[in-house]
PDB file of N, CA and C in Angstrom:
ATOM      1  N   MET A   1     -11.809  -6.775  -0.213  1.00  0.00           N
ATOM      2  CA  MET A   1     -10.879  -5.732  -0.559  1.00  0.00           C
ATOM      3  C   MET A   1     -11.445  -4.882  -1.676  1.00  0.00           C
ATOM      4  N   SER A   2     -11.959  -5.478  -2.700  1.00  0.00           N
ATOM      5  CA  SER A   2     -12.482  -4.727  -3.828  1.00  0.00           C
ATOM      6  C   SER A   2     -13.618  -3.831  -3.370  1.00  0.00           C
ATOM      7  N   GLY A   3     -13.562  -2.575  -3.765  1.00  0.00           N
ATOM      8  CA  GLY A   3     -14.608  -1.652  -3.403  1.00  0.00           C
ATOM      9  C   GLY A   3     -14.480  -1.104  -1.995  1.00  0.00           C
ATOM     10  N   CYS A   4     -13.359  -1.317  -1.348  1.00  0.00           N
ATOM     11  CA  CYS A   4     -13.141  -0.823   0.014  1.00  0.00           C
ATOM     12  C   CYS A   4     -12.454   0.543  -0.085  1.00  0.00           C
ATOM     13  N   PRO A   5     -13.220   1.614   0.069  1.00  0.00           N
ATOM     14  CA  PRO A   5     -12.617   2.928  -0.110  1.00  0.00           C
ATOM     15  C   PRO A   5     -11.724   3.363   1.045  1.00  0.00           C
ATOM     16  N   GLU A   6     -11.925   2.758   2.233  1.00  0.00           N
ATOM     17  CA  GLU A   6     -11.165   3.205   3.394  1.00  0.00           C
ATOM     18  C   GLU A   6     -11.106   2.118   4.460  1.00  0.00           C
ATOM     19  N   THR A   7      -9.955   2.028   5.112  1.00  0.00           N
ATOM     20  CA  THR A   7      -9.791   1.121   6.248  1.00  0.00           C
ATOM     21  C   THR A   7      -8.737   1.706   7.167  1.00  0.00           C
ATOM     22  N   LEU A   8      -8.714   1.255   8.392  1.00  0.00           N
ATOM     23  CA  LEU A   8      -7.718   1.715   9.350  1.00  0.00           C
ATOM     24  C   LEU A   8      -6.783   0.567   9.691  1.00  0.00           C
ATOM     25  N   ALA A   9      -5.501   0.884   9.823  1.00  0.00           N
ATOM     26  CA  ALA A   9      -4.507  -0.114  10.206  1.00  0.00           C
ATOM     27  C   ALA A   9      -3.343   0.615  10.858  1.00  0.00           C
ATOM     28  N   GLU A  10      -2.607  -0.104  11.685  1.00  0.00           N
ATOM     29  CA  GLU A  10      -1.435   0.474  12.340  1.00  0.00           C
ATOM     30  C   GLU A  10      -0.171  -0.177  11.803  1.00  0.00           C
ATOM     31  N   ALA A  11       0.822   0.670  11.490  1.00  0.00           N
ATOM     32  CA  ALA A  11       2.117   0.187  11.028  1.00  0.00           C
ATOM     33  C   ALA A  11       3.111   1.335  11.108  1.00  0.00           C
ATOM     34  N   SER A  12       4.379   1.000  11.264  1.00  0.00           N
ATOM     35  CA  SER A  12       5.404   2.041  11.352  1.00  0.00           C
ATOM     36  C   SER A  12       5.973   2.408   9.984  1.00  0.00           C
ATOM     37  N   ASP A  13       5.788   1.523   8.996  1.00  0.00           N
ATOM     38  CA  ASP A  13       6.250   1.833   7.648  1.00  0.00           C
ATOM     39  C   ASP A  13       5.339   1.147   6.625  1.00  0.00           C
ATOM     40  N   LEU A  14       5.557   1.451   5.362  1.00  0.00           N
ATOM     41  CA  LEU A  14       4.682   0.924   4.312  1.00  0.00           C
ATOM     42  C   LEU A  14       4.736  -0.596   4.245  1.00  0.00           C
ATOM     43  N   ALA A  15       5.918  -1.187   4.407  1.00  0.00           N
ATOM     44  CA  ALA A  15       6.025  -2.649   4.369  1.00  0.00           C
ATOM     45  C   ALA A  15       5.173  -3.280   5.466  1.00  0.00           C
ATOM     46  N   GLY A  16       5.222  -2.710   6.661  1.00  0.00           N
ATOM     47  CA  GLY A  16       4.411  -3.212   7.763  1.00  0.00           C
ATOM     48  C   GLY A  16       2.925  -3.041   7.497  1.00  0.00           C
ATOM     49  N   LEU A  17       2.565  -1.940   6.862  1.00  0.00           N
ATOM     50  CA  LEU A  17       1.164  -1.723   6.516  1.00  0.00           C
ATOM     51  C   LEU A  17       0.692  -2.773   5.515  1.00  0.00           C
ATOM     52  N   LEU A  18       1.507  -3.063   4.510  1.00  0.00           N
ATOM     53  CA  LEU A  18       1.134  -4.082   3.527  1.00  0.00           C
ATOM     54  C   LEU A  18       0.961  -5.442   4.195  1.00  0.00           C
ATOM     55  N   ASP A  19       1.824  -5.761   5.151  1.00  0.00           N
ATOM     56  CA  ASP A  19       1.682  -7.021   5.895  1.00  0.00           C
ATOM     57  C   ASP A  19       0.378  -7.043   6.688  1.00  0.00           C
ATOM     58  N   ALA A  20       0.077  -5.935   7.364  1.00  0.00           N
ATOM     59  CA  ALA A  20      -1.155  -5.854   8.161  1.00  0.00           C
ATOM     60  C   ALA A  20      -2.388  -5.994   7.280  1.00  0.00           C
ATOM     61  N   LEU A  21      -2.365  -5.340   6.130  1.00  0.00           N
ATOM     62  CA  LEU A  21      -3.513  -5.416   5.226  1.00  0.00           C
ATOM     63  C   LEU A  21      -3.631  -6.789   4.580  1.00  0.00           C
ATOM     64  N   ALA A  22      -2.495  -7.432   4.314  1.00  0.00           N
ATOM     65  CA  ALA A  22      -2.536  -8.789   3.767  1.00  0.00           C
ATOM     66  C   ALA A  22      -3.160  -9.744   4.780  1.00  0.00           C
ATOM     67  N   SER A  23      -2.856  -9.537   6.065  1.00  0.00           N
ATOM     68  CA  SER A  23      -3.481 -10.368   7.101  1.00  0.00           C
ATOM     69  C   SER A  23      -4.978 -10.111   7.180  1.00  0.00           C
ATOM     70  N   LYS A  24      -5.359  -8.866   7.025  1.00  0.00           N
ATOM     71  CA  LYS A  24      -6.764  -8.478   7.134  1.00  0.00           C
ATOM     72  C   LYS A  24      -7.583  -8.919   5.921  1.00  0.00           C
ATOM     73  N   TYR A  25      -7.017  -8.762   4.711  1.00  0.00           N
ATOM     74  CA  TYR A  25      -7.780  -9.012   3.483  1.00  0.00           C
ATOM     75  C   TYR A  25      -7.434 -10.318   2.786  1.00  0.00           C
ATOM     76  N   GLY A  26      -6.442 -11.029   3.262  1.00  0.00           N
ATOM     77  CA  GLY A  26      -6.148 -12.359   2.767  1.00  0.00           C
ATOM     78  C   GLY A  26      -5.379 -12.441   1.463  1.00  0.00           C
ATOM     79  N   GLU A  27      -5.480 -13.610   0.868  1.00  0.00           N
ATOM     80  CA  GLU A  27      -4.692 -13.975  -0.309  1.00  0.00           C
ATOM     81  C   GLU A  27      -4.822 -13.008  -1.492  1.00  0.00           C
ATOM     82  N   PRO A  28      -6.016 -12.552  -1.859  1.00  0.00           N
ATOM     83  CA  PRO A  28      -6.091 -11.639  -3.009  1.00  0.00           C
ATOM     84  C   PRO A  28      -5.254 -10.372  -2.808  1.00  0.00           C
ATOM     85  N   PHE A  29      -5.297  -9.805  -1.617  1.00  0.00           N
ATOM     86  CA  PHE A  29      -4.501  -8.621  -1.338  1.00  0.00           C
ATOM     87  C   PHE A  29      -3.021  -8.959  -1.360  1.00  0.00           C
ATOM     88  N   ALA A  30      -2.655 -10.023  -0.668  1.00  0.00           N
ATOM     89  CA  ALA A  30      -1.244 -10.417  -0.599  1.00  0.00           C
ATOM     90  C   ALA A  30      -0.677 -10.647  -1.995  1.00  0.00           C
ATOM     91  N   ARG A  31      -1.434 -11.315  -2.835  1.00  0.00           N
ATOM     92  CA  ARG A  31      -0.969 -11.610  -4.183  1.00  0.00           C
ATOM     93  C   ARG A  31      -0.783 -10.337  -4.993  1.00  0.00           C
ATOM     94  N   LEU A  32      -1.715  -9.405  -4.881  1.00  0.00           N
ATOM     95  CA  LEU A  32      -1.657  -8.189  -5.693  1.00  0.00           C
ATOM     96  C   LEU A  32      -0.626  -7.201  -5.182  1.00  0.00           C
ATOM     97  N   PHE A  33      -0.596  -6.940  -3.870  1.00  0.00           N
ATOM     98  CA  PHE A  33       0.232  -5.863  -3.356  1.00  0.00           C
ATOM     99  C   PHE A  33       1.499  -6.299  -2.644  1.00  0.00           C
ATOM    100  N   ARG A  34       1.601  -7.530  -2.206  1.00  0.00           N
ATOM    101  CA  ARG A  34       2.758  -7.923  -1.430  1.00  0.00           C
ATOM    102  C   ARG A  34       3.699  -8.840  -2.207  1.00  0.00           C
ATOM    103  N   GLU A  35       3.166  -9.842  -2.854  1.00  0.00           N
ATOM    104  CA  GLU A  35       4.008 -10.842  -3.503  1.00  0.00           C
ATOM    105  C   GLU A  35       4.612 -10.363  -4.812  1.00  0.00           C
ATOM    106  N   ARG A  36       3.939  -9.485  -5.514  1.00  0.00           N
ATOM    107  CA  ARG A  36       4.440  -9.038  -6.816  1.00  0.00           C
ATOM    108  C   ARG A  36       5.535  -7.989  -6.712  1.00  0.00           C
ATOM    109  N   GLY A  37       5.678  -7.358  -5.582  1.00  0.00           N
ATOM    110  CA  GLY A  37       6.722  -6.367  -5.389  1.00  0.00           C
ATOM    111  C   GLY A  37       6.247  -4.950  -5.666  1.00  0.00           C
ATOM    112  N   PRO A  38       7.071  -3.986  -5.272  1.00  0.00           N
ATOM    113  CA  PRO A  38       6.663  -2.584  -5.321  1.00  0.00           C
ATOM    114  C   PRO A  38       6.431  -2.031  -6.720  1.00  0.00           C
ATOM    115  N   GLU A  39       7.016  -2.633  -7.729  1.00  0.00           N
ATOM    116  CA  GLU A  39       6.801  -2.125  -9.084  1.00  0.00           C
ATOM    117  C   GLU A  39       5.447  -2.538  -9.650  1.00  0.00           C
ATOM    118  N   SER A  40       4.710  -3.371  -8.926  1.00  0.00           N
ATOM    119  CA  SER A  40       3.425  -3.856  -9.432  1.00  0.00           C
ATOM    120  C   SER A  40       2.251  -2.987  -8.988  1.00  0.00           C
ATOM    121  N   PHE A  41       2.508  -1.926  -8.220  1.00  0.00           N
ATOM    122  CA  PHE A  41       1.428  -1.047  -7.791  1.00  0.00           C
ATOM    123  C   PHE A  41       1.990   0.344  -7.503  1.00  0.00           C
ATOM    124  N   VAL A  42       1.091   1.293  -7.361  1.00  0.00           N
ATOM    125  CA  VAL A  42       1.464   2.656  -7.011  1.00  0.00           C
ATOM    126  C   VAL A  42       0.978   2.910  -5.589  1.00  0.00           C
ATOM    127  N   ALA A  43       1.850   3.437  -4.756  1.00  0.00           N
ATOM    128  CA  ALA A  43       1.485   3.781  -3.382  1.00  0.00           C
ATOM    129  C   ALA A  43       1.791   5.254  -3.141  1.00  0.00           C
ATOM    130  N   LEU A  44       0.829   5.946  -2.546  1.00  0.00           N
ATOM    131  CA  LEU A  44       0.999   7.343  -2.177  1.00  0.00           C
ATOM    132  C   LEU A  44       0.854   7.460  -0.665  1.00  0.00           C
ATOM    133  N   VAL A  45       1.719   8.255  -0.063  1.00  0.00           N
ATOM    134  CA  VAL A  45       1.595   8.581   1.357  1.00  0.00           C
ATOM    135  C   VAL A  45       1.384  10.089   1.429  1.00  0.00           C
ATOM    136  N   ASN A  46       0.215  10.460   1.887  1.00  0.00           N
ATOM    137  CA  ASN A  46      -0.162  11.875   1.948  1.00  0.00           C
ATOM    138  C   ASN A  46       0.003  12.551   0.590  1.00  0.00           C
ATOM    139  N   GLY A  47      -0.347  11.820  -0.460  1.00  0.00           N
ATOM    140  CA  GLY A  47      -0.313  12.357  -1.814  1.00  0.00           C
ATOM    141  C   GLY A  47       1.030  12.295  -2.510  1.00  0.00           C
ATOM    142  N   ARG A  48       2.063  11.806  -1.848  1.00  0.00           N
ATOM    143  CA  ARG A  48       3.395  11.708  -2.464  1.00  0.00           C
ATOM    144  C   ARG A  48       3.701  10.259  -2.810  1.00  0.00           C
ATOM    145  N   ASN A  49       4.170  10.047  -4.028  1.00  0.00           N
ATOM    146  CA  ASN A  49       4.522   8.711  -4.487  1.00  0.00           C
ATOM    147  C   ASN A  49       5.689   8.188  -3.659  1.00  0.00           C
ATOM    148  N   VAL A  50       5.557   6.981  -3.122  1.00  0.00           N
ATOM    149  CA  VAL A  50       6.619   6.433  -2.273  1.00  0.00           C
ATOM    150  C   VAL A  50       7.901   6.188  -3.061  1.00  0.00           C
ATOM    151  N   GLY A  51       7.801   6.132  -4.382  1.00  0.00           N
ATOM    152  CA  GLY A  51       8.997   6.026  -5.208  1.00  0.00           C
ATOM    153  C   GLY A  51       9.895   7.241  -5.039  1.00  0.00           C
ATOM    154  N   GLN A  52       9.321   8.362  -4.652  1.00  0.00           N
ATOM    155  CA  GLN A  52      10.081   9.588  -4.407  1.00  0.00           C
ATOM    156  C   GLN A  52      10.478   9.699  -2.933  1.00  0.00           C
ATOM    157  N   LEU A  53       9.999   8.769  -2.123  1.00  0.00           N
ATOM    158  CA  LEU A  53      10.315   8.764  -0.696  1.00  0.00           C
ATOM    159  C   LEU A  53      11.281   7.621  -0.427  1.00  0.00           C
ATOM    160  N   ARG A  54      10.921   6.659   0.402  1.00  0.00           N
ATOM    161  CA  ARG A  54      11.818   5.547   0.730  1.00  0.00           C
ATOM    162  C   ARG A  54      11.218   4.204   0.352  1.00  0.00           C
ATOM    163  N   GLY A  55      10.366   4.181  -0.675  1.00  0.00           N
ATOM    164  CA  GLY A  55       9.756   2.931  -1.104  1.00  0.00           C
ATOM    165  C   GLY A  55       8.964   2.298   0.020  1.00  0.00           C
ATOM    166  N   GLN A  56       9.068   0.974   0.148  1.00  0.00           N
ATOM    167  CA  GLN A  56       8.322   0.280   1.196  1.00  0.00           C
ATOM    168  C   GLN A  56       8.874   0.580   2.589  1.00  0.00           C
ATOM    169  N   GLY A  57      10.035   1.197   2.657  1.00  0.00           N
ATOM    170  CA  GLY A  57      10.596   1.612   3.938  1.00  0.00           C
ATOM    171  C   GLY A  57      10.097   2.981   4.375  1.00  0.00           C
ATOM    172  N   THR A  58       9.216   3.590   3.599  1.00  0.00           N
ATOM    173  CA  THR A  58       8.673   4.895   3.951  1.00  0.00           C
ATOM    174  C   THR A  58       7.993   4.821   5.310  1.00  0.00           C
ATOM    175  N   GLU A  59       8.457   5.646   6.226  1.00  0.00           N
ATOM    176  CA  GLU A  59       7.902   5.643   7.576  1.00  0.00           C
ATOM    177  C   GLU A  59       6.520   6.275   7.584  1.00  0.00           C
ATOM    178  N   LEU A  60       5.666   5.755   8.451  1.00  0.00           N
ATOM    179  CA  LEU A  60       4.302   6.261   8.587  1.00  0.00           C
ATOM    180  C   LEU A  60       4.109   6.822   9.987  1.00  0.00           C
ATOM    181  N   ALA A  61       3.317   7.879  10.065  1.00  0.00           N
ATOM    182  CA  ALA A  61       2.976   8.486  11.348  1.00  0.00           C
ATOM    183  C   ALA A  61       1.467   8.419  11.533  1.00  0.00           C
ATOM    184  N   ASP A  62       1.030   8.546  12.766  1.00  0.00           N
ATOM    185  CA  ASP A  62      -0.390   8.537  13.067  1.00  0.00           C
ATOM    186  C   ASP A  62      -1.105   9.588  12.219  1.00  0.00           C
ATOM    187  N   GLY A  63      -2.149   9.172  11.538  1.00  0.00           N
ATOM    188  CA  GLY A  63      -2.929  10.089  10.712  1.00  0.00           C
ATOM    189  C   GLY A  63      -2.503  10.166   9.258  1.00  0.00           C
ATOM    190  N   ASP A  64      -1.395   9.516   8.888  1.00  0.00           N
ATOM    191  CA  ASP A  64      -0.991   9.520   7.478  1.00  0.00           C
ATOM    192  C   ASP A  64      -2.055   8.832   6.631  1.00  0.00           C
ATOM    193  N   GLU A  65      -2.239   9.328   5.431  1.00  0.00           N
ATOM    194  CA  GLU A  65      -3.163   8.702   4.487  1.00  0.00           C
ATOM    195  C   GLU A  65      -2.358   7.977   3.420  1.00  0.00           C
ATOM    196  N   VAL A  66      -2.619   6.686   3.284  1.00  0.00           N
ATOM    197  CA  VAL A  66      -1.924   5.860   2.304  1.00  0.00           C
ATOM    198  C   VAL A  66      -2.926   5.422   1.257  1.00  0.00           C
ATOM    199  N   SER A  67      -2.597   5.651  -0.002  1.00  0.00           N
ATOM    200  CA  SER A  67      -3.454   5.227  -1.114  1.00  0.00           C
ATOM    201  C   SER A  67      -2.699   4.178  -1.917  1.00  0.00           C
ATOM    202  N   LEU A  68      -3.364   3.077  -2.226  1.00  0.00           N
ATOM    203  CA  LEU A  68      -2.771   1.988  -3.010  1.00  0.00           C
ATOM    204  C   LEU A  68      -3.554   1.800  -4.280  1.00  0.00           C
ATOM    205  N   PHE A  69      -2.848   1.740  -5.399  1.00  0.00           N
ATOM    206  CA  PHE A  69      -3.485   1.572  -6.700  1.00  0.00           C
ATOM    207  C   PHE A  69      -2.826   0.426  -7.462  1.00  0.00           C
ATOM    208  N   PRO A  70      -3.625  -0.436  -8.066  1.00  0.00           N
ATOM    209  CA  PRO A  70      -3.032  -1.476  -8.924  1.00  0.00           C
ATOM    210  C   PRO A  70      -2.398  -0.813 -10.137  1.00  0.00           C
ATOM    211  N   PRO A  71      -1.591  -1.549 -10.874  1.00  0.00           N
ATOM    212  CA  PRO A  71      -0.934  -0.961 -12.045  1.00  0.00           C
ATOM    213  C   PRO A  71      -1.962  -0.400 -13.020  1.00  0.00           C
ATOM    214  N   ILE A  72      -1.613   0.709 -13.603  1.00  0.00           N
ATOM    215  CA  ILE A  72      -2.483   1.369 -14.577  1.00  0.00           C
ATOM    216  C   ILE A  72      -1.812   1.269 -15.937  1.00  0.00           C
ATOM    217  N   SER A  73      -2.582   0.897 -16.924  1.00  0.00           N
ATOM    218  CA  SER A  73      -2.025   0.836 -18.283  1.00  0.00           C
ATOM    219  C   SER A  73      -3.037   1.405 -19.250  1.00  0.00           C
ATOM    220  N   GLY A  74      -2.585   1.624 -20.405  1.00  0.00           N
ATOM    221  CA  GLY A  74      -3.473   2.172 -21.440  1.00  0.00           C
ATOM    222  C   GLY A  74      -2.739   3.201 -22.261  1.00  0.00           C
ATOM    223  N   GLY A  75      -3.459   3.830 -23.134  1.00  0.00           N
ATOM    224  CA  GLY A  75      -2.755   4.766 -24.012  1.00  0.00           C
ATOM    225  C   GLY A  75      -3.419   6.055 -24.167  1.00  0.00           C
TER     226      GLY A  75
END
């Protein structure tokens, strides 16, 4: 998972995508992005924060670009 700039997966919504990626990338991915909950990472769908959309229920269409980022901190 680390250093993977791009991958393809099929899902109808963000929650399904996270499940698919957890199956593909295993425990490290599941622990970071699935088990900790939506407040533990930032997700963008086509450049829009899913917090402004429908969270993990955000529907996905063919060709959508999803970006996942671990929590960012600092000052």
